[in-house]
Amino acid sequence: MPGESWRRPVDGLVYCVQFAEELTDELAAREAQRFLAEPYVTLTQQEQYDALAYAVANGADLGANIPQPHSDETLRMFLSKVVAEMDRQRPWTEPPLRALPLYRWSDLTDAPPIAALKLSVTDAMQRLRYTFDDDPDEGREICLLGLANGFEVALVDNYWPETGNMAVLTRAAQPQQVIEYLLANTDLTESELTPV
């Protein structure tokens, strides 16, 4: 794994465990499950696995970016347990949603809206468990998601300024399937997510 591309998922994991008194096997199993269920940023499960395995194997200073009470040796042993647990759980079940990189926004900017979402960005992030980024062109906040069923969606804040509602954009041929999928695989409700 060239360069520092391994660093973000490793820093994310190190950040999550920095306040743990002890880096136990149980904590390693929980973190492995979290990495598989909710991949970090826009990485796939395999890319996360590769980053952790690379960090363990290549002697990098694992706690360099996050102040740590745990020694580098302790962190390395913990990461190796997370990697082993991820291996144990193969074959991995693809999570129902995954974040798409921001550069994919250009693929969805002119996709039609299929639903209105009557939530603030903060509430939407809590229900989806994904973050929003600033639209590089218009300054609106957007969340780009790939669905395990193959569809891709963009959630765009303040799409309709008169109502302040967020829009769900997609190129999917069956918009109702996308709406039903989001309702089944997130904490969104029918009263919040309505077809347009």
Protein backbone atom coordinates (compact mmCIF):
# COMPACT_ATOMS: atom_id res chain seq x y z
CA MET A 1 0.00 0.00 0.00
CA PRO A 2 1.99 2.99 -1.24
CA GLY A 3 2.25 6.36 0.48
CA GLU A 4 0.14 7.19 3.50
CA SER A 5 -3.21 5.90 2.21
CA TRP A 6 -3.30 3.40 5.09
CA ARG A 7 -3.15 6.20 7.66
CA ARG A 8 -6.80 7.42 7.67
CA PRO A 9 -8.46 4.13 8.65
CA VAL A 10 -5.69 3.40 11.15
CA ASP A 11 -6.05 6.86 12.69
CA GLY A 12 -9.82 6.35 12.79
CA LEU A 13 -9.41 3.11 14.70
CA VAL A 14 -6.73 4.52 17.01
CA TYR A 15 -8.94 7.52 17.73
CA CYS A 16 -11.89 5.26 18.65
CA VAL A 17 -9.85 3.29 21.20
CA GLN A 18 -7.70 6.05 22.68
CA PHE A 19 -9.77 6.23 25.88
CA ALA A 20 -10.07 2.48 26.41
CA GLU A 21 -8.17 1.47 29.53
CA GLU A 22 -7.27 -1.84 27.96
CA LEU A 23 -7.24 -3.00 24.35
CA THR A 24 -9.01 -6.32 24.85
CA ASP A 25 -9.92 -9.13 22.49
CA GLU A 26 -13.57 -8.15 22.92
CA LEU A 27 -12.83 -4.57 21.88
CA ALA A 28 -10.89 -5.86 18.85
CA ALA A 29 -13.89 -7.99 17.85
CA ARG A 30 -16.27 -5.00 18.20
CA GLU A 31 -13.99 -2.74 16.16
CA ALA A 32 -13.60 -5.39 13.44
CA GLN A 33 -17.38 -5.72 13.26
CA ARG A 34 -17.76 -1.93 13.11
CA PHE A 35 -15.22 -1.70 10.27
CA LEU A 36 -17.12 -4.35 8.33
CA ALA A 37 -20.59 -2.98 9.02
CA GLU A 38 -19.78 0.72 8.57
CA PRO A 39 -16.68 1.11 6.41
CA TYR A 40 -14.57 4.13 7.23
CA VAL A 41 -15.08 7.12 4.93
CA THR A 42 -15.20 5.96 1.29
CA LEU A 43 -13.14 2.80 1.62
CA THR A 44 -14.40 -0.68 0.90
CA GLN A 45 -14.13 -3.42 3.49
CA GLN A 46 -11.13 -4.86 1.64
CA GLU A 47 -9.37 -1.48 1.42
CA GLN A 48 -9.81 -1.02 5.18
CA TYR A 49 -8.50 -4.51 5.83
CA ASP A 50 -5.51 -3.87 3.56
CA ALA A 51 -4.74 -0.59 5.36
CA LEU A 52 -4.80 -2.20 8.80
CA ALA A 53 -2.75 -5.20 7.64
CA TYR A 54 -0.21 -2.90 6.00
CA ALA A 55 0.13 -0.80 9.16
CA VAL A 56 0.70 -3.90 11.28
CA ALA A 57 3.26 -5.39 8.89
CA ASN A 58 5.29 -2.29 8.10
CA GLY A 59 6.29 -0.97 11.50
CA ALA A 60 4.73 2.47 11.13
CA ASP A 61 4.28 4.70 14.18
CA LEU A 62 0.61 3.90 14.69
CA GLY A 63 -0.18 6.54 17.31
CA ALA A 64 1.73 9.36 15.63
CA ASN A 65 -1.34 11.48 14.83
CA ILE A 66 -3.50 10.74 17.89
CA PRO A 67 -2.22 11.31 21.45
CA GLN A 68 -2.26 7.85 22.99
CA PRO A 69 -1.94 6.25 26.41
CA HIS A 70 -1.16 2.97 24.61
CA SER A 71 2.33 2.09 23.40
CA ASP A 72 3.02 1.50 19.73
CA GLU A 73 3.58 -2.18 20.48
CA THR A 74 0.19 -2.42 22.24
CA LEU A 75 -1.53 -0.68 19.32
CA ARG A 76 0.17 -2.99 16.82
CA MET A 77 -0.96 -6.08 18.74
CA PHE A 78 -4.49 -4.66 18.93
CA LEU A 79 -4.59 -3.90 15.19
CA SER A 80 -3.34 -7.41 14.45
CA LYS A 81 -6.26 -8.76 16.52
CA VAL A 82 -8.69 -6.58 14.53
CA VAL A 83 -7.19 -7.88 11.26
CA ALA A 84 -7.41 -11.50 12.51
CA GLU A 85 -11.05 -10.98 13.53
CA MET A 86 -11.85 -9.48 10.12
CA ASP A 87 -10.25 -12.55 8.53
CA ARG A 88 -12.30 -14.83 10.78
CA GLN A 89 -15.52 -13.18 9.60
CA ARG A 90 -14.89 -13.84 5.90
CA PRO A 91 -16.74 -13.92 3.58
CA TRP A 92 -17.87 -10.44 4.46
CA THR A 93 -21.44 -9.29 4.06
CA GLU A 94 -21.54 -6.06 2.11
CA PRO A 95 -23.02 -3.23 4.18
CA PRO A 96 -26.35 -1.90 2.86
CA LEU A 97 -24.87 1.59 2.30
CA ARG A 98 -21.39 2.87 1.59
CA ALA A 99 -20.09 6.39 1.21
CA LEU A 100 -19.04 7.40 -2.28
CA PRO A 101 -16.11 9.74 -2.84
CA LEU A 102 -16.97 13.40 -3.40
CA TYR A 103 -15.62 13.37 -6.97
CA ARG A 104 -18.61 11.15 -7.86
CA TRP A 105 -20.92 14.14 -7.32
CA SER A 106 -20.48 15.08 -10.99
CA ASP A 107 -22.20 11.78 -11.91
CA LEU A 108 -25.33 12.73 -9.96
CA THR A 109 -25.59 16.54 -10.17
CA ASP A 110 -28.28 16.46 -12.84
CA ALA A 111 -30.04 13.29 -11.67
CA PRO A 112 -33.75 13.82 -11.00
CA PRO A 113 -35.07 14.14 -7.45
CA ILE A 114 -37.12 11.12 -6.37
CA ALA A 115 -37.93 12.06 -2.77
CA ALA A 116 -37.93 14.93 -0.31
CA LEU A 117 -36.28 14.46 3.05
CA LYS A 118 -37.70 16.65 5.79
CA LEU A 119 -34.67 16.66 8.10
CA SER A 120 -31.76 18.88 8.98
CA VAL A 121 -28.31 17.74 7.90
CA THR A 122 -27.50 16.87 11.53
CA ASP A 123 -30.61 14.70 11.88
CA ALA A 124 -30.03 13.07 8.48
CA MET A 125 -26.45 12.18 9.47
CA GLN A 126 -27.73 10.52 12.64
CA ARG A 127 -30.36 8.50 10.77
CA LEU A 128 -28.01 7.49 7.93
CA ARG A 129 -24.79 7.22 9.98
CA TYR A 130 -22.94 8.98 7.17
CA THR A 131 -21.57 12.50 6.93
CA PHE A 132 -22.29 15.27 4.46
CA ASP A 133 -19.68 17.21 2.48
CA ASP A 134 -19.79 20.69 0.98
CA ASP A 135 -20.79 20.75 -2.68
CA PRO A 136 -17.67 22.21 -4.31
CA ASP A 137 -19.72 24.29 -6.76
CA GLU A 138 -22.74 25.58 -4.89
CA GLY A 139 -21.81 25.28 -1.22
CA ARG A 140 -24.76 23.04 -0.35
CA GLU A 141 -24.15 20.01 1.80
CA ILE A 142 -24.36 16.64 0.06
CA CYS A 143 -24.09 12.98 0.98
CA LEU A 144 -23.22 10.47 -1.75
CA LEU A 145 -24.14 6.85 -1.10
CA GLY A 146 -23.81 3.59 -2.96
CA LEU A 147 -26.49 1.05 -2.09
CA ALA A 148 -25.73 -2.66 -1.94
CA ASN A 149 -28.44 -3.22 -4.56
CA GLY A 150 -26.28 -1.29 -7.05
CA PHE A 151 -28.08 2.06 -7.02
CA GLU A 152 -26.33 5.32 -6.19
CA VAL A 153 -27.95 8.32 -4.55
CA ALA A 154 -27.10 11.88 -3.59
CA LEU A 155 -28.81 13.62 -0.70
CA VAL A 156 -28.70 17.36 -1.28
CA ASP A 157 -29.48 19.81 1.52
CA ASN A 158 -31.79 22.75 0.85
CA TYR A 159 -32.58 21.50 -2.64
CA TRP A 160 -35.91 23.30 -2.53
CA PRO A 161 -35.14 26.65 -0.84
CA GLU A 162 -38.83 27.47 -0.41
CA THR A 163 -39.27 24.48 1.95
CA GLY A 164 -35.67 23.87 3.00
CA ASN A 165 -36.19 20.18 2.27
CA MET A 166 -33.37 17.93 1.25
CA ALA A 167 -33.66 15.98 -2.03
CA VAL A 168 -32.71 12.42 -2.83
CA LEU A 169 -31.32 12.28 -6.37
CA THR A 170 -30.71 9.10 -8.37
CA ARG A 171 -30.54 7.79 -11.90
CA ALA A 172 -32.21 4.52 -10.86
CA ALA A 173 -34.93 3.35 -13.21
CA GLN A 174 -37.16 2.32 -10.29
CA PRO A 175 -37.17 5.24 -7.84
CA GLN A 176 -39.68 3.55 -5.53
CA GLN A 177 -37.20 0.69 -5.01
CA VAL A 178 -34.58 3.20 -3.87
CA ILE A 179 -37.00 4.83 -1.43
CA GLU A 180 -38.05 1.44 -0.04
CA TYR A 181 -34.40 0.39 0.27
CA LEU A 182 -33.50 3.54 2.19
CA LEU A 183 -36.47 3.07 4.52
CA ALA A 184 -35.54 -0.57 5.14
CA ASN A 185 -31.80 0.01 5.67
CA THR A 186 -31.61 3.29 7.58
CA ASP A 187 -33.40 4.94 10.47
CA LEU A 188 -35.38 7.17 8.08
CA THR A 189 -39.18 7.03 8.37
CA GLU A 190 -41.95 7.34 5.79
CA SER A 191 -43.04 10.65 7.31
CA GLU A 192 -39.52 12.07 6.74
CA LEU A 193 -38.82 10.56 3.29
CA THR A 194 -41.63 11.21 0.83
CA PRO A 195 -41.71 10.55 -2.94
CA VAL A 196 -41.90 13.59 -5.24
